[in-house]
Amino acid sequence: MDSKYIPTLTIAGSDSCGGAGIQADIKTMSALGCYACSVVTAVTAQDTLRVHQVMDVPVAMVVSQLHAVLNDISPVAIKTGMIGNAEIAAAVAVELETAPRVPLVVDPVMVATSGDPLMRAGTLYIVTGRLLPLATIVTPNIPEAEAMADMKIVSDDDVWTAAARILAFGCKAVLIKGGHAEGTTKTDRLLTADGTRHEYCSATINTPNTHGTGCTLSSAITAFLARGCRLDEAVGKAKEYLEKALDAGKEVAVGHGHGAVDHFFNPEKLIIKR
């Protein structure tokens, strides 16, 4: 019998403490039954308290990694995470523009959970102008959506307005995450290019271990798209996976700051068999 893995690709930065970035992406994709490949855009020295140092990978090396994976393994879904400078963003866009089109999840990582910046000036312009037109879905949190849409978000109506503005960059769908909102519930809102709206509500989980939640959610969406789910279904299943990972890891102590979720809590029942 000819057996095959379900290959996925994450293009993002490395997190030395293992809770976010490439490490969280690989854990998530693996937990959800995919074979995770990676292109490292930056190396960070960070712990659960803060980012101590960031070193961008040379553009030529980023491109070489992309060629190696795309030409040999042919991932069936791709996500981008931390892209720290405009040169890397432009190079990634060029490679993805000419690669076979597969679902692309763009997570516009701008700031770490600790509050340290991860995207330098000029990068967002390339991300919105070059990567978003290729994207199946873009997954900003509220501060990221405010930056992309050039507006403040203070109400539910503002969320939909911001999502529409981001759609104008050419992506097929926008998921604005509600994790930064106060209250007993968190609501993520999905707007697709045809105007369809979806809301995904969940109870707020009281935990300090929120490091890498955005990376985890976008990677889970990528994994479920790779497994053949519809976009709205992939988002719903990814959110369910993240909720369970947050709950399973809510009392686990890792480091002295924002710890990570439990990526391997046993997500088998969430997986759709191919």
Protein backbone atom coordinates (compact mmCIF):
# COMPACT_ATOMS: atom_id res chain seq x y z
CA MET A 1 0.00 0.00 0.00
CA ASP A 2 1.28 3.47 -0.91
CA SER A 3 1.12 5.43 2.35
CA LYS A 4 1.71 9.16 2.51
CA TYR A 5 2.07 11.77 5.19
CA ILE A 6 0.02 14.96 5.03
CA PRO A 7 2.80 17.54 4.58
CA THR A 8 2.40 21.09 5.85
CA LEU A 9 4.84 24.00 5.99
CA THR A 10 5.38 26.75 8.52
CA ILE A 11 7.42 29.83 7.61
CA ALA A 12 8.18 31.57 10.90
CA GLY A 13 10.68 32.42 13.63
CA SER A 14 12.19 30.06 16.15
CA ASP A 15 11.25 30.40 19.84
CA SER A 16 13.99 29.14 22.15
CA CYS A 17 11.57 28.47 25.02
CA GLY A 18 9.40 26.26 22.82
CA GLY A 19 6.00 27.84 23.37
CA ALA A 20 5.50 29.85 20.18
CA GLY A 21 6.84 30.23 16.67
CA ILE A 22 8.22 27.29 14.71
CA GLN A 23 8.21 25.08 17.80
CA ALA A 24 4.52 25.65 18.53
CA ASP A 25 3.68 25.23 14.85
CA ILE A 26 5.44 21.87 14.58
CA LYS A 27 3.87 20.62 17.83
CA THR A 28 0.39 21.65 16.68
CA MET A 29 0.65 20.25 13.16
CA SER A 30 2.11 17.00 14.51
CA ALA A 31 -0.59 16.67 17.16
CA LEU A 32 -3.21 17.03 14.42
CA GLY A 33 -1.75 14.32 12.21
CA CYS A 34 0.34 16.32 9.73
CA TYR A 35 3.98 16.11 8.71
CA ALA A 36 5.36 19.55 9.57
CA CYS A 37 8.15 21.10 7.50
CA SER A 38 9.69 24.43 8.45
CA VAL A 39 11.42 27.49 7.04
CA VAL A 40 13.08 29.53 9.78
CA THR A 41 12.94 33.30 9.20
CA ALA A 42 14.51 34.39 12.48
CA VAL A 43 16.14 33.01 15.60
CA THR A 44 14.94 34.50 18.88
CA ALA A 45 16.43 34.25 22.33
CA GLN A 46 13.31 34.37 24.45
CA ASP A 47 11.83 32.86 27.56
CA THR A 48 8.38 33.03 29.14
CA LEU A 49 9.10 36.58 30.36
CA ARG A 50 10.49 38.43 27.36
CA VAL A 51 12.32 38.41 24.06
CA HIS A 52 16.01 39.02 24.74
CA GLN A 53 17.37 39.08 21.20
CA VAL A 54 16.22 38.57 17.60
CA MET A 55 18.47 37.63 14.70
CA ASP A 56 16.97 37.50 11.21
CA VAL A 57 18.06 34.65 8.99
CA PRO A 58 19.77 35.92 5.81
CA VAL A 59 17.32 36.28 2.92
CA ALA A 60 19.27 33.84 0.73
CA MET A 61 19.00 31.17 3.42
CA VAL A 62 15.26 31.71 3.79
CA VAL A 63 14.85 31.29 0.03
CA SER A 64 17.09 28.20 0.02
CA GLN A 65 14.96 26.58 2.74
CA LEU A 66 11.81 27.36 0.77
CA HIS A 67 13.22 25.85 -2.41
CA ALA A 68 14.29 22.71 -0.57
CA VAL A 69 10.84 22.08 0.89
CA LEU A 70 8.67 23.22 -2.01
CA ASN A 71 10.64 21.34 -4.68
CA ASP A 72 10.84 18.05 -2.81
CA ILE A 73 7.98 17.63 -0.36
CA SER A 74 5.17 19.74 -1.86
CA PRO A 75 3.21 20.79 1.24
CA VAL A 76 -0.56 20.74 0.84
CA ALA A 77 -1.07 23.73 3.16
CA ILE A 78 1.26 26.53 4.29
CA LYS A 79 1.29 29.13 7.05
CA THR A 80 3.42 32.18 7.64
CA GLY A 81 4.12 33.50 11.09
CA MET A 82 6.87 35.84 12.26
CA ILE A 83 8.48 37.64 9.32
CA GLY A 84 10.66 40.28 10.88
CA ASN A 85 11.79 42.47 8.01
CA ALA A 86 10.59 43.70 4.63
CA GLU A 87 13.32 41.95 2.64
CA ILE A 88 12.36 38.52 3.97
CA ALA A 89 8.67 39.27 3.48
CA ALA A 90 9.25 40.22 -0.15
CA ALA A 91 11.38 37.13 -0.80
CA VAL A 92 8.77 34.82 0.72
CA ALA A 93 6.07 36.50 -1.37
CA VAL A 94 8.05 35.99 -4.58
CA GLU A 95 8.49 32.28 -3.85
CA LEU A 96 4.85 31.72 -2.91
CA GLU A 97 3.61 33.69 -5.93
CA THR A 98 5.33 31.21 -8.24
CA ALA A 99 4.68 28.04 -6.22
CA PRO A 100 1.66 25.77 -6.78
CA ARG A 101 -1.34 27.30 -5.02
CA VAL A 102 -2.35 25.54 -1.83
CA PRO A 103 -4.22 26.92 1.20
CA LEU A 104 -2.15 29.71 2.77
CA VAL A 105 -2.72 30.93 6.33
CA VAL A 106 -1.09 34.27 7.12
CA ASP A 107 -0.61 35.01 10.81
CA PRO A 108 0.69 38.61 10.90
CA VAL A 109 2.83 38.27 14.01
CA MET A 110 3.82 41.75 15.17
CA VAL A 111 4.34 41.52 18.93
CA ALA A 112 5.23 38.64 21.28
CA THR A 113 2.97 37.70 24.20
CA SER A 114 5.50 39.49 26.43
CA GLY A 115 4.88 42.72 24.50
CA ASP A 116 8.21 42.74 22.66
CA PRO A 117 8.03 43.79 18.98
CA LEU A 118 8.74 41.11 16.35
CA MET A 119 8.01 42.98 13.10
CA ARG A 120 10.14 45.91 12.02
CA ALA A 121 9.13 49.05 10.14
CA GLY A 122 8.11 48.56 6.54
CA THR A 123 7.36 44.85 6.86
CA LEU A 124 3.60 45.21 7.27
CA TYR A 125 3.41 47.07 3.96
CA ILE A 126 4.91 44.06 2.16
CA VAL A 127 2.80 41.56 4.09
CA THR A 128 -0.46 43.34 3.24
CA GLY A 129 0.51 44.16 -0.34
CA ARG A 130 2.17 40.92 -1.39
CA LEU A 131 1.23 38.07 0.97
CA LEU A 132 -2.40 38.87 1.70
CA PRO A 133 -3.49 38.60 -1.97
CA LEU A 134 -2.22 34.99 -1.83
CA ALA A 135 -3.87 34.16 1.49
CA THR A 136 -6.76 31.80 2.06
CA ILE A 137 -7.16 33.38 5.49
CA VAL A 138 -5.35 35.97 7.61
CA THR A 139 -5.56 35.68 11.41
CA PRO A 140 -4.80 38.95 13.22
CA ASN A 141 -5.54 39.60 16.86
CA ILE A 142 -7.23 42.90 17.71
CA PRO A 143 -4.07 45.06 17.92
CA GLU A 144 -2.78 43.54 14.67
CA ALA A 145 -6.14 44.11 12.99
CA GLU A 146 -6.08 47.74 14.13
CA ALA A 147 -2.67 48.20 12.52
CA MET A 148 -3.68 46.49 9.29
CA ALA A 149 -7.02 48.27 9.00
CA ASP A 150 -5.65 51.61 10.26
CA MET A 151 -8.43 52.09 12.80
CA LYS A 152 -9.28 51.55 16.44
CA ILE A 153 -11.51 48.61 17.40
CA VAL A 154 -13.77 49.35 20.36
CA SER A 155 -16.98 47.51 19.42
CA ASP A 156 -18.24 44.39 17.64
CA ASP A 157 -19.22 46.53 14.65
CA ASP A 158 -15.66 47.82 14.51
CA VAL A 159 -14.40 44.24 14.23
CA TRP A 160 -16.48 43.64 11.10
CA THR A 161 -15.45 47.00 9.65
CA ALA A 162 -11.78 46.22 10.23
CA ALA A 163 -12.19 42.76 8.72
CA ALA A 164 -13.73 44.29 5.59
CA ARG A 165 -10.84 46.71 5.29
CA ILE A 166 -8.34 43.87 5.56
CA LEU A 167 -10.26 41.84 2.96
CA ALA A 168 -9.68 44.71 0.55
CA PHE A 169 -6.01 43.69 0.40
CA GLY A 170 -7.15 40.62 -1.57
CA CYS A 171 -7.26 37.73 0.90
CA LYS A 172 -10.16 35.29 0.81
CA ALA A 173 -11.06 35.52 4.50
CA VAL A 174 -10.16 37.33 7.72
CA LEU A 175 -10.39 35.88 11.22
CA ILE A 176 -10.06 38.57 13.89
CA LYS A 177 -9.26 36.87 17.18
CA GLY A 178 -10.92 38.07 20.36
CA GLY A 179 -8.34 36.90 22.87
CA HIS A 180 -7.37 40.46 23.82
CA ALA A 181 -10.96 41.39 24.71
CA GLU A 182 -12.01 41.48 28.36
CA GLY A 183 -14.91 39.44 29.73
CA THR A 184 -16.01 35.91 30.49
CA THR A 185 -16.19 34.89 26.84
CA LYS A 186 -13.87 35.19 23.86
CA THR A 187 -15.28 35.58 20.36
CA ASP A 188 -13.34 35.14 17.14
CA ARG A 189 -15.03 36.60 14.05
CA LEU A 190 -14.57 35.28 10.52
CA LEU A 191 -15.50 37.32 7.44
CA THR A 192 -15.14 35.79 3.99
CA ALA A 193 -14.82 37.57 0.66
CA ASP A 194 -18.43 36.80 -0.24
CA GLY A 195 -19.62 38.63 2.89
CA THR A 196 -20.40 35.55 4.99
CA ARG A 197 -19.92 36.02 8.73
CA HIS A 198 -19.14 33.38 11.34
CA GLU A 199 -18.68 33.81 15.08
CA TYR A 200 -16.82 31.34 17.30
CA CYS A 201 -17.50 31.90 21.00
CA SER A 202 -15.89 30.19 23.97
CA ALA A 203 -15.59 30.69 27.71
CA THR A 204 -12.53 32.59 28.88
CA ILE A 205 -10.00 30.19 30.39
CA ASN A 206 -8.26 31.64 33.43
CA THR A 207 -4.59 30.83 32.85
CA PRO A 208 -1.25 32.62 32.62
CA ASN A 209 -0.13 30.08 30.02
CA THR A 210 -1.03 31.92 26.83
CA HIS A 211 2.38 32.03 25.15
CA GLY A 212 2.02 31.07 21.50
CA THR A 213 -1.76 30.86 21.33
CA GLY A 214 -1.89 32.78 18.04
CA CYS A 215 0.76 30.55 16.48
CA THR A 216 -1.08 27.48 17.72
CA LEU A 217 -4.44 28.58 16.33
CA SER A 218 -3.10 29.47 12.88
CA SER A 219 -1.14 26.22 12.71
CA ALA A 220 -4.22 24.24 13.67
CA ILE A 221 -6.21 25.97 10.92
CA THR A 222 -3.44 25.04 8.50
CA ALA A 223 -3.50 21.42 9.63
CA PHE A 224 -7.26 21.09 9.27
CA LEU A 225 -7.19 22.71 5.83
CA ALA A 226 -4.48 20.22 4.86
CA ARG A 227 -6.76 17.43 6.03
CA GLY A 228 -9.51 18.60 3.71
CA CYS A 229 -11.81 20.64 5.96
CA ARG A 230 -13.84 23.56 4.66
CA LEU A 231 -12.47 26.89 5.85
CA ASP A 232 -15.24 27.59 8.39
CA GLU A 233 -14.94 24.02 9.69
CA ALA A 234 -11.14 24.28 9.91
CA VAL A 235 -11.45 27.46 11.97
CA GLY A 236 -14.03 25.90 14.30
CA LYS A 237 -11.96 22.77 14.86
CA ALA A 238 -8.79 24.80 15.35
CA LYS A 239 -10.48 26.95 17.97
CA GLU A 240 -11.74 23.82 19.74
CA TYR A 241 -8.22 22.39 19.70
CA LEU A 242 -6.77 25.60 21.17
CA GLU A 243 -9.44 25.75 23.90
CA LYS A 244 -8.68 22.19 24.98
CA ALA A 245 -4.90 22.81 24.83
CA LEU A 246 -5.32 25.94 26.97
CA ASP A 247 -7.49 24.12 29.48
CA ALA A 248 -5.17 21.12 29.70
CA GLY A 249 -2.16 23.36 30.33
CA LYS A 250 -3.76 26.02 32.49
CA GLU A 251 -2.05 24.95 35.73
CA VAL A 252 1.23 23.66 34.32
CA ALA A 253 4.24 25.68 35.43
CA VAL A 254 6.84 26.36 32.72
CA GLY A 255 9.20 29.23 33.47
CA HIS A 256 8.32 32.33 35.45
CA GLY A 257 6.05 34.16 33.00
CA HIS A 258 3.56 33.21 30.30
CA GLY A 259 3.87 29.45 29.85
CA ALA A 260 2.70 27.44 26.87
CA VAL A 261 -0.45 25.48 26.15
CA ASP A 262 -0.53 21.67 26.22
CA HIS A 263 -0.27 20.86 22.52
CA PHE A 264 -0.45 17.10 23.05
CA PHE A 265 -3.47 16.84 25.35
CA ASN A 266 -4.94 14.07 23.11
CA PRO A 267 -6.60 15.77 20.15
CA GLU A 268 -7.28 12.53 18.25
CA LYS A 269 -11.05 12.89 18.24
CA LEU A 270 -10.74 16.29 16.55
CA ILE A 271 -8.99 14.81 13.54
CA ILE A 272 -10.89 14.05 10.37
CA LYS A 273 -9.49 10.94 8.74
CA ARG A 274 -8.56 11.28 5.10
